[in-house]
Amino acid sequence: MAAPLSVQVEFGGGAELLFDGVKKHQVTLPGQEEPWDIRNLLVWIKKNLLKERPELFIRGDSVRPGILVLVNDADWELLATRWAPETLLPARGCQRAAHSAERGEKEGVG
């Protein structure tokens, strides 16, 4: 069983408005049988952090097109689908930033 995992989740570029205007969240993901992956993290975020209009953030089991997801400053599409605590940068934990490009917002992420 995977142990609980502490991560920092960040939202920017307007996405934070869906999360009560809070940009940074320090959360502890519960232990579970399978290692945490991004899709499980998105489900957890939807259930525990997302406050309004989930259709602007989630589509199916992924983020909507136009939302940039970063894990330790790398695009999640370039990473393996599964990650564990030992694969994360020790000084930073897991940083997730969402940036909505659909409206042409180009401000800094997270």
C-alpha atoms as a PDB file:
ATOM      1  CA  MET A   1       0.000   0.000   0.000  1.00  0.00           C
ATOM      2  CA  ALA A   2       1.293   3.447  -0.924  1.00  0.00           C
ATOM      3  CA  ALA A   3       1.813   5.771   2.031  1.00  0.00           C
ATOM      4  CA  PRO A   4       0.081   9.157   2.271  1.00  0.00           C
ATOM      5  CA  LEU A   5       1.725  11.721   0.013  1.00  0.00           C
ATOM      6  CA  SER A   6       2.144  15.427   0.749  1.00  0.00           C
ATOM      7  CA  VAL A   7       1.998  17.656  -2.341  1.00  0.00           C
ATOM      8  CA  GLN A   8       1.686  21.321  -3.167  1.00  0.00           C
ATOM      9  CA  VAL A   9      -0.980  22.077  -5.750  1.00  0.00           C
ATOM     10  CA  GLU A  10      -0.959  25.476  -7.479  1.00  0.00           C
ATOM     11  CA  PHE A  11      -3.466  27.109  -9.803  1.00  0.00           C
ATOM     12  CA  GLY A  12      -2.919  30.235 -11.887  1.00  0.00           C
ATOM     13  CA  GLY A  13      -4.001  32.092 -14.986  1.00  0.00           C
ATOM     14  CA  GLY A  14      -7.555  32.367 -13.704  1.00  0.00           C
ATOM     15  CA  ALA A  15      -7.971  28.706 -12.723  1.00  0.00           C
ATOM     16  CA  GLU A  16      -7.614  29.685  -9.053  1.00  0.00           C
ATOM     17  CA  LEU A  17     -11.049  31.339  -9.273  1.00  0.00           C
ATOM     18  CA  LEU A  18     -12.555  27.841  -9.444  1.00  0.00           C
ATOM     19  CA  PHE A  19     -10.823  27.040  -6.136  1.00  0.00           C
ATOM     20  CA  ASP A  20     -12.129  29.933  -3.987  1.00  0.00           C
ATOM     21  CA  GLY A  21      -9.423  32.223  -5.362  1.00  0.00           C
ATOM     22  CA  VAL A  22      -6.681  30.257  -3.560  1.00  0.00           C
ATOM     23  CA  LYS A  23      -3.584  29.732  -5.701  1.00  0.00           C
ATOM     24  CA  LYS A  24      -1.536  27.376  -3.481  1.00  0.00           C
ATOM     25  CA  HIS A  25      -2.849  24.376  -1.586  1.00  0.00           C
ATOM     26  CA  GLN A  26      -0.669  22.142   0.587  1.00  0.00           C
ATOM     27  CA  VAL A  27      -2.501  18.810   0.726  1.00  0.00           C
ATOM     28  CA  THR A  28      -1.888  15.285   1.938  1.00  0.00           C
ATOM     29  CA  LEU A  29      -3.181  12.619  -0.385  1.00  0.00           C
ATOM     30  CA  PRO A  30      -4.375   9.517   1.486  1.00  0.00           C
ATOM     31  CA  GLY A  31      -2.582   6.192   1.261  1.00  0.00           C
ATOM     32  CA  GLN A  32      -4.041   3.815  -1.314  1.00  0.00           C
ATOM     33  CA  GLU A  33      -3.337   0.443  -2.899  1.00  0.00           C
ATOM     34  CA  GLU A  34      -2.051   1.805  -6.219  1.00  0.00           C
ATOM     35  CA  PRO A  35       0.618   4.520  -6.559  1.00  0.00           C
ATOM     36  CA  TRP A  36      -0.802   7.990  -7.188  1.00  0.00           C
ATOM     37  CA  ASP A  37      -0.964   9.107 -10.793  1.00  0.00           C
ATOM     38  CA  ILE A  38      -2.147  12.367 -12.345  1.00  0.00           C
ATOM     39  CA  ARG A  39      -5.588  11.035 -13.193  1.00  0.00           C
ATOM     40  CA  ASN A  40      -6.173   9.932  -9.575  1.00  0.00           C
ATOM     41  CA  LEU A  41      -4.894  13.315  -8.422  1.00  0.00           C
ATOM     42  CA  LEU A  42      -7.379  15.092 -10.713  1.00  0.00           C
ATOM     43  CA  VAL A  43     -10.257  13.057  -9.278  1.00  0.00           C
ATOM     44  CA  TRP A  44      -9.082  13.913  -5.759  1.00  0.00           C
ATOM     45  CA  ILE A  45      -8.788  17.620  -6.644  1.00  0.00           C
ATOM     46  CA  LYS A  46     -12.296  17.609  -8.125  1.00  0.00           C
ATOM     47  CA  LYS A  47     -13.773  15.983  -4.994  1.00  0.00           C
ATOM     48  CA  ASN A  48     -11.782  17.932  -2.395  1.00  0.00           C
ATOM     49  CA  LEU A  49     -10.637  21.314  -3.767  1.00  0.00           C
ATOM     50  CA  LEU A  50     -12.787  22.353  -6.732  1.00  0.00           C
ATOM     51  CA  LYS A  51     -15.509  24.725  -5.530  1.00  0.00           C
ATOM     52  CA  GLU A  52     -17.417  25.669  -8.672  1.00  0.00           C
ATOM     53  CA  ARG A  53     -17.919  25.052 -12.381  1.00  0.00           C
ATOM     54  CA  PRO A  54     -16.074  21.740 -12.757  1.00  0.00           C
ATOM     55  CA  GLU A  55     -16.805  21.824 -16.502  1.00  0.00           C
ATOM     56  CA  LEU A  56     -14.258  24.652 -16.828  1.00  0.00           C
ATOM     57  CA  PHE A  57     -11.506  22.486 -15.311  1.00  0.00           C
ATOM     58  CA  ILE A  58     -12.280  18.796 -15.940  1.00  0.00           C
ATOM     59  CA  ARG A  59     -13.475  17.014 -19.058  1.00  0.00           C
ATOM     60  CA  GLY A  60     -13.959  13.276 -18.614  1.00  0.00           C
ATOM     61  CA  ASP A  61     -11.015  11.936 -16.634  1.00  0.00           C
ATOM     62  CA  SER A  62      -8.565  14.673 -17.639  1.00  0.00           C
ATOM     63  CA  VAL A  63      -8.264  18.454 -17.670  1.00  0.00           C
ATOM     64  CA  ARG A  64     -10.024  20.444 -20.376  1.00  0.00           C
ATOM     65  CA  PRO A  65      -8.086  21.280 -23.506  1.00  0.00           C
ATOM     66  CA  GLY A  66      -6.171  24.515 -23.016  1.00  0.00           C
ATOM     67  CA  ILE A  67      -5.212  23.814 -19.398  1.00  0.00           C
ATOM     68  CA  LEU A  68      -1.471  23.393 -18.933  1.00  0.00           C
ATOM     69  CA  VAL A  69      -0.491  20.947 -16.197  1.00  0.00           C
ATOM     70  CA  LEU A  70       3.031  21.090 -14.788  1.00  0.00           C
ATOM     71  CA  VAL A  71       4.682  18.629 -12.420  1.00  0.00           C
ATOM     72  CA  ASN A  72       7.900  20.056 -11.000  1.00  0.00           C
ATOM     73  CA  ASP A  73       7.913  22.611 -13.833  1.00  0.00           C
ATOM     74  CA  ALA A  74       7.685  19.927 -16.560  1.00  0.00           C
ATOM     75  CA  ASP A  75       4.665  19.382 -18.802  1.00  0.00           C
ATOM     76  CA  TRP A  76       2.788  16.323 -17.524  1.00  0.00           C
ATOM     77  CA  GLU A  77       2.492  14.930 -21.047  1.00  0.00           C
ATOM     78  CA  LEU A  78       6.276  14.478 -21.083  1.00  0.00           C
ATOM     79  CA  LEU A  79       6.247  12.478 -17.852  1.00  0.00           C
ATOM     80  CA  ALA A  80       5.439   8.842 -17.185  1.00  0.00           C
ATOM     81  CA  THR A  81       1.804   8.312 -16.213  1.00  0.00           C
ATOM     82  CA  ARG A  82       2.690   7.009 -12.741  1.00  0.00           C
ATOM     83  CA  TRP A  83       4.822   8.740 -10.131  1.00  0.00           C
ATOM     84  CA  ALA A  84       5.829   7.986  -6.620  1.00  0.00           C
ATOM     85  CA  PRO A  85       7.419  10.080  -3.841  1.00  0.00           C
ATOM     86  CA  GLU A  86      10.923   8.939  -4.768  1.00  0.00           C
ATOM     87  CA  THR A  87      10.513  10.331  -8.312  1.00  0.00           C
ATOM     88  CA  LEU A  88       9.712  13.857  -7.133  1.00  0.00           C
ATOM     89  CA  LEU A  89      12.256  16.598  -6.563  1.00  0.00           C
ATOM     90  CA  PRO A  90      13.005  16.464  -2.821  1.00  0.00           C
ATOM     91  CA  ALA A  91      13.108  20.219  -2.204  1.00  0.00           C
ATOM     92  CA  ARG A  92       9.880  21.022  -4.000  1.00  0.00           C
ATOM     93  CA  GLY A  93       7.570  18.013  -3.655  1.00  0.00           C
ATOM     94  CA  CYS A  94       5.020  17.835  -6.413  1.00  0.00           C
ATOM     95  CA  GLN A  95       3.964  21.135  -7.850  1.00  0.00           C
ATOM     96  CA  ARG A  96       0.939  21.237 -10.080  1.00  0.00           C
ATOM     97  CA  ALA A  97      -0.012  24.369 -11.902  1.00  0.00           C
ATOM     98  CA  ALA A  98      -2.989  24.902 -14.111  1.00  0.00           C
ATOM     99  CA  HIS A  99      -3.032  27.719 -16.615  1.00  0.00           C
ATOM    100  CA  SER A 100      -5.958  28.453 -18.868  1.00  0.00           C
ATOM    101  CA  ALA A 101      -4.796  29.348 -22.346  1.00  0.00           C
ATOM    102  CA  GLU A 102      -8.289  29.250 -23.832  1.00  0.00           C
ATOM    103  CA  ARG A 103      -8.911  32.907 -23.145  1.00  0.00           C
ATOM    104  CA  GLY A 104      -5.457  33.985 -24.266  1.00  0.00           C
ATOM    105  CA  GLU A 105      -4.237  34.459 -20.700  1.00  0.00           C
ATOM    106  CA  LYS A 106      -0.468  34.301 -20.762  1.00  0.00           C
ATOM    107  CA  GLU A 107       0.384  35.442 -17.245  1.00  0.00           C
ATOM    108  CA  GLY A 108       2.825  33.410 -15.149  1.00  0.00           C
ATOM    109  CA  VAL A 109       1.731  29.959 -14.091  1.00  0.00           C
ATOM    110  CA  GLY A 110       1.159  29.440 -10.364  1.00  0.00           C
END
